[in-house]
Amino acid sequence: MKESTNSAVVHVDDMDAEVFRALLYFVCTDTLPDCPDMKKQQDAAMAQHLLVAADRYNLERLKLICEDKLCRHIDTASAATILALAEQHRCHVLKESCFQFLSTPLTLNAVIATDGFDHLSRSCPSILKELMSNIAARMPSDFGKSR
């Protein structure tokens, strides 16, 4: 954020204008703006950007709202990206929702094939170990035993 010494304009260079507008709306009204014509994918992307902004500006309630919204938008295409976001911004409920979504082999294999998973493995390699431990903990106790 840069402030000019000779004008009343403040430039926020690291945030999209729509995201900043929604952030200001939340700060003033304690609610998110209603965007009925926004598609599900756009809504999820806005929630991701707002979560980052909420974490940056320490707006805990907004962060929780975005986390809740993202928990309802986890799908094969977005799971790895949302998991990376949850790890980077300390969103434990969101991370657990991602782990739950990834708990079946079919879903996990589909997510592994996405570009988002490549990004996850590069940006948060430690989360892969945690993911595997979480999946192993969800397996039946007799899995892998010889009969």
Protein backbone atom coordinates (compact mmCIF):
# COMPACT_ATOMS: atom_id res chain seq x y z
CA MET A 1 0.00 0.00 0.00
CA LYS A 2 1.38 3.41 -0.98
CA GLU A 3 0.20 6.81 0.15
CA SER A 4 0.91 9.88 -1.92
CA THR A 5 2.01 12.97 -0.03
CA ASN A 6 0.16 15.41 -2.26
CA SER A 7 -3.22 13.73 -2.78
CA ALA A 8 -5.89 11.84 -0.88
CA VAL A 9 -5.54 8.73 -3.05
CA VAL A 10 -4.26 5.50 -1.52
CA HIS A 11 -3.01 2.85 -3.95
CA VAL A 12 -3.32 -0.80 -2.95
CA ASP A 13 -1.16 -2.54 -5.52
CA ASP A 14 -1.33 -6.12 -4.27
CA MET A 15 -5.12 -6.62 -4.36
CA ASP A 16 -7.74 -6.75 -7.10
CA ALA A 17 -10.19 -3.82 -7.02
CA GLU A 18 -13.24 -6.10 -6.65
CA VAL A 19 -11.65 -7.90 -3.71
CA PHE A 20 -10.75 -4.60 -2.03
CA ARG A 21 -14.29 -3.31 -2.64
CA ALA A 22 -15.72 -6.44 -0.97
CA LEU A 23 -13.24 -6.06 1.91
CA LEU A 24 -14.29 -2.45 2.50
CA TYR A 25 -17.95 -3.42 2.26
CA PHE A 26 -17.37 -6.05 4.95
CA VAL A 27 -15.50 -3.63 7.22
CA CYS A 28 -18.38 -1.13 6.97
CA THR A 29 -21.33 -3.55 7.17
CA ASP A 30 -20.00 -6.75 8.79
CA THR A 31 -21.51 -8.68 5.86
CA LEU A 32 -20.31 -9.69 2.42
CA PRO A 33 -21.78 -7.92 -0.60
CA ASP A 34 -24.63 -9.77 -2.29
CA CYS A 35 -23.59 -10.82 -5.80
CA PRO A 36 -26.50 -12.89 -7.18
CA ASP A 37 -25.13 -12.94 -10.73
CA MET A 38 -21.73 -14.29 -9.63
CA LYS A 39 -21.12 -17.87 -10.78
CA LYS A 40 -20.11 -20.58 -8.27
CA GLN A 41 -16.53 -20.61 -9.57
CA GLN A 42 -16.23 -16.81 -9.33
CA ASP A 43 -17.74 -16.89 -5.84
CA ALA A 44 -15.14 -19.45 -4.72
CA ALA A 45 -12.31 -17.42 -6.27
CA MET A 46 -13.54 -14.28 -4.49
CA ALA A 47 -13.68 -16.21 -1.19
CA GLN A 48 -10.08 -17.35 -1.72
CA HIS A 49 -8.86 -13.80 -2.36
CA LEU A 50 -10.88 -12.41 0.54
CA LEU A 51 -9.47 -15.07 2.87
CA VAL A 52 -5.94 -13.94 1.99
CA ALA A 53 -6.90 -10.29 2.55
CA ALA A 54 -8.70 -11.11 5.81
CA ASP A 55 -5.61 -12.90 7.09
CA ARG A 56 -3.35 -10.04 6.02
CA TYR A 57 -5.50 -7.39 7.73
CA ASN A 58 -6.37 -9.59 10.74
CA LEU A 59 -10.13 -9.63 10.08
CA GLU A 60 -10.86 -12.89 11.89
CA ARG A 61 -14.63 -12.91 11.32
CA LEU A 62 -14.20 -12.37 7.57
CA LYS A 63 -11.59 -15.10 7.51
CA LEU A 64 -14.02 -17.52 9.20
CA ILE A 65 -16.81 -16.59 6.76
CA CYS A 66 -14.51 -17.20 3.79
CA GLU A 67 -13.28 -20.45 5.32
CA ASP A 68 -16.88 -21.65 5.74
CA LYS A 69 -17.75 -20.65 2.17
CA LEU A 70 -14.69 -22.46 0.79
CA CYS A 71 -15.56 -25.62 2.74
CA ARG A 72 -18.74 -25.75 0.62
CA HIS A 73 -16.83 -25.19 -2.66
CA ILE A 74 -14.23 -27.97 -2.45
CA ASP A 75 -14.23 -30.07 -5.60
CA THR A 76 -11.71 -32.04 -7.65
CA ALA A 77 -10.49 -28.98 -9.53
CA SER A 78 -10.04 -26.79 -6.45
CA ALA A 79 -9.18 -29.16 -3.58
CA ALA A 80 -5.38 -28.92 -3.83
CA THR A 81 -5.40 -25.14 -4.24
CA ILE A 82 -7.78 -24.71 -1.31
CA LEU A 83 -5.66 -27.07 0.82
CA ALA A 84 -2.55 -24.98 0.07
CA LEU A 85 -4.48 -21.84 0.99
CA ALA A 86 -5.69 -23.45 4.23
CA GLU A 87 -2.14 -24.42 5.16
CA GLN A 88 -0.61 -21.04 4.31
CA HIS A 89 -3.26 -19.07 6.23
CA ARG A 90 -3.73 -21.41 9.20
CA CYS A 91 -7.35 -22.40 8.47
CA HIS A 92 -7.69 -25.65 10.41
CA VAL A 93 -11.37 -26.30 9.66
CA LEU A 94 -10.81 -25.75 5.95
CA LYS A 95 -7.77 -28.02 5.97
CA GLU A 96 -9.77 -30.77 7.70
CA SER A 97 -12.56 -30.38 5.12
CA CYS A 98 -10.00 -30.83 2.34
CA PHE A 99 -8.59 -33.92 4.05
CA GLN A 100 -12.11 -35.32 4.35
CA PHE A 101 -12.75 -34.65 0.64
CA LEU A 102 -9.47 -36.34 -0.31
CA SER A 103 -10.07 -39.42 1.85
CA THR A 104 -11.23 -41.74 -0.96
CA PRO A 105 -8.72 -43.20 -3.44
CA LEU A 106 -10.84 -42.21 -6.46
CA THR A 107 -11.04 -38.57 -5.38
CA LEU A 108 -7.40 -38.43 -4.33
CA ASN A 109 -6.24 -39.82 -7.70
CA ALA A 110 -8.37 -37.28 -9.57
CA VAL A 111 -6.93 -34.41 -7.51
CA ILE A 112 -3.35 -35.66 -7.93
CA ALA A 113 -3.82 -35.29 -11.71
CA THR A 114 -4.55 -31.53 -11.41
CA ASP A 115 -2.16 -28.60 -11.78
CA GLY A 116 -3.27 -27.50 -8.33
CA PHE A 117 -1.69 -30.61 -6.83
CA ASP A 118 1.62 -29.79 -8.50
CA HIS A 119 1.41 -26.32 -6.96
CA LEU A 120 0.55 -27.84 -3.56
CA SER A 121 3.51 -30.21 -3.64
CA ARG A 122 5.89 -27.34 -4.51
CA SER A 123 4.49 -24.67 -2.18
CA CYS A 124 3.57 -26.83 0.85
CA PRO A 125 5.52 -30.11 0.70
CA SER A 126 4.98 -30.80 4.40
CA ILE A 127 1.22 -30.94 3.88
CA LEU A 128 1.63 -34.06 1.73
CA LYS A 129 3.02 -36.00 4.68
CA GLU A 130 0.17 -34.74 6.85
CA LEU A 131 -2.33 -35.69 4.12
CA MET A 132 -0.95 -39.23 3.93
CA SER A 133 -1.06 -39.59 7.72
CA ASN A 134 -4.62 -38.32 7.73
CA ILE A 135 -5.67 -40.78 5.01
CA ALA A 136 -3.93 -43.65 6.81
CA ALA A 137 -5.75 -42.76 10.04
CA ARG A 138 -9.09 -42.97 8.22
CA MET A 139 -8.41 -46.46 6.85
CA PRO A 140 -9.94 -49.49 8.57
CA SER A 141 -7.69 -50.90 11.28
CA ASP A 142 -7.38 -54.27 9.51
CA PHE A 143 -6.25 -52.72 6.20
CA GLY A 144 -3.07 -54.33 4.89
CA LYS A 145 -3.05 -57.25 7.34
CA SER A 146 -2.43 -60.67 5.83
CA ARG A 147 -5.24 -63.13 6.12
